[in-house]
Amino acid sequence: MDNDFEQFNEACDILKALAHPVRLCIVKGLLKKGACNVGFMKECLDLPQSTVSQHLQKLRSFGIVKTERNGLEVNYTIADVRVKQLIQVFFGKDDQS
């Protein structure tokens, strides 16, 4: 039996971060689009920018998304390849929409 609980804690943190419909939708959308800014996500999700930003911060704090600055624009992308695999398990390999 493996007593290294660090890997289990990390997996649990990722699952907890994804365990919200808005965050799951954000991740699924980023996988489809590749990179996206908060303004675009706000329009797609029909949510206030502050709400989207809070969800993105949670995803970022767990290393699920990362930011890339392009001038004044900040784009988000998926940072952890394991997340793509999880989304494929739940929604299928070909359906990233």
C-alpha atoms as a PDB file:
ATOM      1  CA  MET A   1       0.000   0.000   0.000  1.00  0.00           C
ATOM      2  CA  ASP A   2       1.271   3.413  -0.976  1.00  0.00           C
ATOM      3  CA  ASN A   3       1.523   5.709   2.044  1.00  0.00           C
ATOM      4  CA  ASP A   4       2.469   8.807   0.029  1.00  0.00           C
ATOM      5  CA  PHE A   5      -0.708  10.814   0.557  1.00  0.00           C
ATOM      6  CA  GLU A   6       0.690  13.895  -1.197  1.00  0.00           C
ATOM      7  CA  GLN A   7      -0.355  12.545  -4.602  1.00  0.00           C
ATOM      8  CA  PHE A   8      -3.838  11.789  -3.254  1.00  0.00           C
ATOM      9  CA  ASN A   9      -4.143  15.259  -1.755  1.00  0.00           C
ATOM     10  CA  GLU A  10      -3.153  16.829  -5.070  1.00  0.00           C
ATOM     11  CA  ALA A  11      -5.708  14.738  -6.976  1.00  0.00           C
ATOM     12  CA  CYS A  12      -8.410  15.647  -4.440  1.00  0.00           C
ATOM     13  CA  ASP A  13      -7.591  19.352  -4.774  1.00  0.00           C
ATOM     14  CA  ILE A  14      -7.954  19.191  -8.558  1.00  0.00           C
ATOM     15  CA  LEU A  15     -11.252  17.325  -8.280  1.00  0.00           C
ATOM     16  CA  LYS A  16     -12.546  19.809  -5.687  1.00  0.00           C
ATOM     17  CA  ALA A  17     -11.624  22.738  -7.910  1.00  0.00           C
ATOM     18  CA  LEU A  18     -13.452  21.169 -10.855  1.00  0.00           C
ATOM     19  CA  ALA A  19     -16.490  20.238  -8.745  1.00  0.00           C
ATOM     20  CA  HIS A  20     -18.470  23.360  -9.649  1.00  0.00           C
ATOM     21  CA  PRO A  21     -20.572  23.738 -12.813  1.00  0.00           C
ATOM     22  CA  VAL A  22     -19.124  27.153 -13.746  1.00  0.00           C
ATOM     23  CA  ARG A  23     -15.515  26.045 -13.291  1.00  0.00           C
ATOM     24  CA  LEU A  24     -16.162  22.849 -15.229  1.00  0.00           C
ATOM     25  CA  CYS A  25     -17.715  24.905 -18.028  1.00  0.00           C
ATOM     26  CA  ILE A  26     -14.729  27.296 -18.031  1.00  0.00           C
ATOM     27  CA  VAL A  27     -12.249  24.420 -18.276  1.00  0.00           C
ATOM     28  CA  LYS A  28     -14.236  22.688 -21.014  1.00  0.00           C
ATOM     29  CA  GLY A  29     -14.448  25.959 -22.953  1.00  0.00           C
ATOM     30  CA  LEU A  30     -10.722  26.624 -22.604  1.00  0.00           C
ATOM     31  CA  LEU A  31      -9.947  23.151 -23.896  1.00  0.00           C
ATOM     32  CA  LYS A  32     -12.087  23.848 -26.951  1.00  0.00           C
ATOM     33  CA  LYS A  33     -10.889  27.400 -27.629  1.00  0.00           C
ATOM     34  CA  GLY A  34      -7.273  27.071 -26.469  1.00  0.00           C
ATOM     35  CA  ALA A  35      -6.976  30.499 -24.847  1.00  0.00           C
ATOM     36  CA  CYS A  36      -9.514  33.036 -23.720  1.00  0.00           C
ATOM     37  CA  ASN A  37      -9.817  36.269 -21.728  1.00  0.00           C
ATOM     38  CA  VAL A  38     -12.237  37.043 -18.905  1.00  0.00           C
ATOM     39  CA  GLY A  39     -14.356  39.341 -21.055  1.00  0.00           C
ATOM     40  CA  PHE A  40     -15.067  36.615 -23.594  1.00  0.00           C
ATOM     41  CA  MET A  41     -15.861  34.086 -20.844  1.00  0.00           C
ATOM     42  CA  LYS A  42     -18.166  36.586 -19.143  1.00  0.00           C
ATOM     43  CA  GLU A  43     -20.191  36.915 -22.354  1.00  0.00           C
ATOM     44  CA  CYS A  44     -20.295  33.156 -22.994  1.00  0.00           C
ATOM     45  CA  LEU A  45     -21.306  32.315 -19.441  1.00  0.00           C
ATOM     46  CA  ASP A  46     -23.641  35.333 -19.036  1.00  0.00           C
ATOM     47  CA  LEU A  47     -22.143  35.995 -15.587  1.00  0.00           C
ATOM     48  CA  PRO A  48     -20.634  39.115 -13.999  1.00  0.00           C
ATOM     49  CA  GLN A  49     -16.917  39.539 -14.625  1.00  0.00           C
ATOM     50  CA  SER A  50     -16.219  39.418 -10.884  1.00  0.00           C
ATOM     51  CA  THR A  51     -17.852  35.981 -10.640  1.00  0.00           C
ATOM     52  CA  VAL A  52     -15.865  34.625 -13.588  1.00  0.00           C
ATOM     53  CA  SER A  53     -12.661  36.098 -12.139  1.00  0.00           C
ATOM     54  CA  GLN A  54     -13.280  34.418  -8.778  1.00  0.00           C
ATOM     55  CA  HIS A  55     -13.721  31.028 -10.453  1.00  0.00           C
ATOM     56  CA  LEU A  56     -10.607  31.580 -12.565  1.00  0.00           C
ATOM     57  CA  GLN A  57      -8.598  32.482  -9.468  1.00  0.00           C
ATOM     58  CA  LYS A  58      -9.637  29.229  -7.820  1.00  0.00           C
ATOM     59  CA  LEU A  59      -8.646  27.251 -10.919  1.00  0.00           C
ATOM     60  CA  ARG A  60      -5.359  29.148 -11.084  1.00  0.00           C
ATOM     61  CA  SER A  61      -4.564  28.555  -7.414  1.00  0.00           C
ATOM     62  CA  PHE A  62      -4.764  24.787  -8.009  1.00  0.00           C
ATOM     63  CA  GLY A  63      -2.592  24.980 -11.139  1.00  0.00           C
ATOM     64  CA  ILE A  64      -5.421  24.031 -13.484  1.00  0.00           C
ATOM     65  CA  VAL A  65      -5.193  27.209 -15.578  1.00  0.00           C
ATOM     66  CA  LYS A  66      -2.375  29.656 -16.220  1.00  0.00           C
ATOM     67  CA  THR A  67      -2.274  33.181 -17.576  1.00  0.00           C
ATOM     68  CA  GLU A  68      -0.465  34.660 -20.530  1.00  0.00           C
ATOM     69  CA  ARG A  69      -0.289  38.426 -20.860  1.00  0.00           C
ATOM     70  CA  ASN A  70      -0.545  40.021 -24.299  1.00  0.00           C
ATOM     71  CA  GLY A  71      -0.273  43.777 -23.763  1.00  0.00           C
ATOM     72  CA  LEU A  72      -3.230  44.719 -21.560  1.00  0.00           C
ATOM     73  CA  GLU A  73      -5.082  41.487 -22.290  1.00  0.00           C
ATOM     74  CA  VAL A  74      -4.706  38.460 -20.026  1.00  0.00           C
ATOM     75  CA  ASN A  75      -5.558  35.128 -21.601  1.00  0.00           C
ATOM     76  CA  TYR A  76      -6.174  31.919 -19.711  1.00  0.00           C
ATOM     77  CA  THR A  77      -5.099  28.474 -20.887  1.00  0.00           C
ATOM     78  CA  ILE A  78      -5.150  24.996 -19.383  1.00  0.00           C
ATOM     79  CA  ALA A  79      -1.961  24.334 -17.407  1.00  0.00           C
ATOM     80  CA  ASP A  80      -2.461  20.709 -16.374  1.00  0.00           C
ATOM     81  CA  VAL A  81      -2.791  18.021 -19.049  1.00  0.00           C
ATOM     82  CA  ARG A  82      -4.520  15.701 -16.563  1.00  0.00           C
ATOM     83  CA  VAL A  83      -7.505  18.046 -16.621  1.00  0.00           C
ATOM     84  CA  LYS A  84      -7.927  17.453 -20.361  1.00  0.00           C
ATOM     85  CA  GLN A  85      -7.991  13.720 -19.684  1.00  0.00           C
ATOM     86  CA  LEU A  86     -10.647  14.161 -16.977  1.00  0.00           C
ATOM     87  CA  ILE A  87     -12.841  16.251 -19.271  1.00  0.00           C
ATOM     88  CA  GLN A  88     -12.511  13.587 -21.965  1.00  0.00           C
ATOM     89  CA  VAL A  89     -13.659  10.948 -19.469  1.00  0.00           C
ATOM     90  CA  PHE A  90     -16.774  12.949 -18.596  1.00  0.00           C
ATOM     91  CA  PHE A  91     -17.645  14.442 -21.981  1.00  0.00           C
ATOM     92  CA  GLY A  92     -15.940  12.212 -24.571  1.00  0.00           C
ATOM     93  CA  LYS A  93     -12.733  12.550 -26.537  1.00  0.00           C
ATOM     94  CA  ASP A  94     -14.191  14.131 -29.645  1.00  0.00           C
ATOM     95  CA  ASP A  95     -16.662  16.481 -27.938  1.00  0.00           C
ATOM     96  CA  GLN A  96     -14.668  19.378 -26.544  1.00  0.00           C
ATOM     97  CA  SER A  97     -17.572  21.778 -27.194  1.00  0.00           C
END
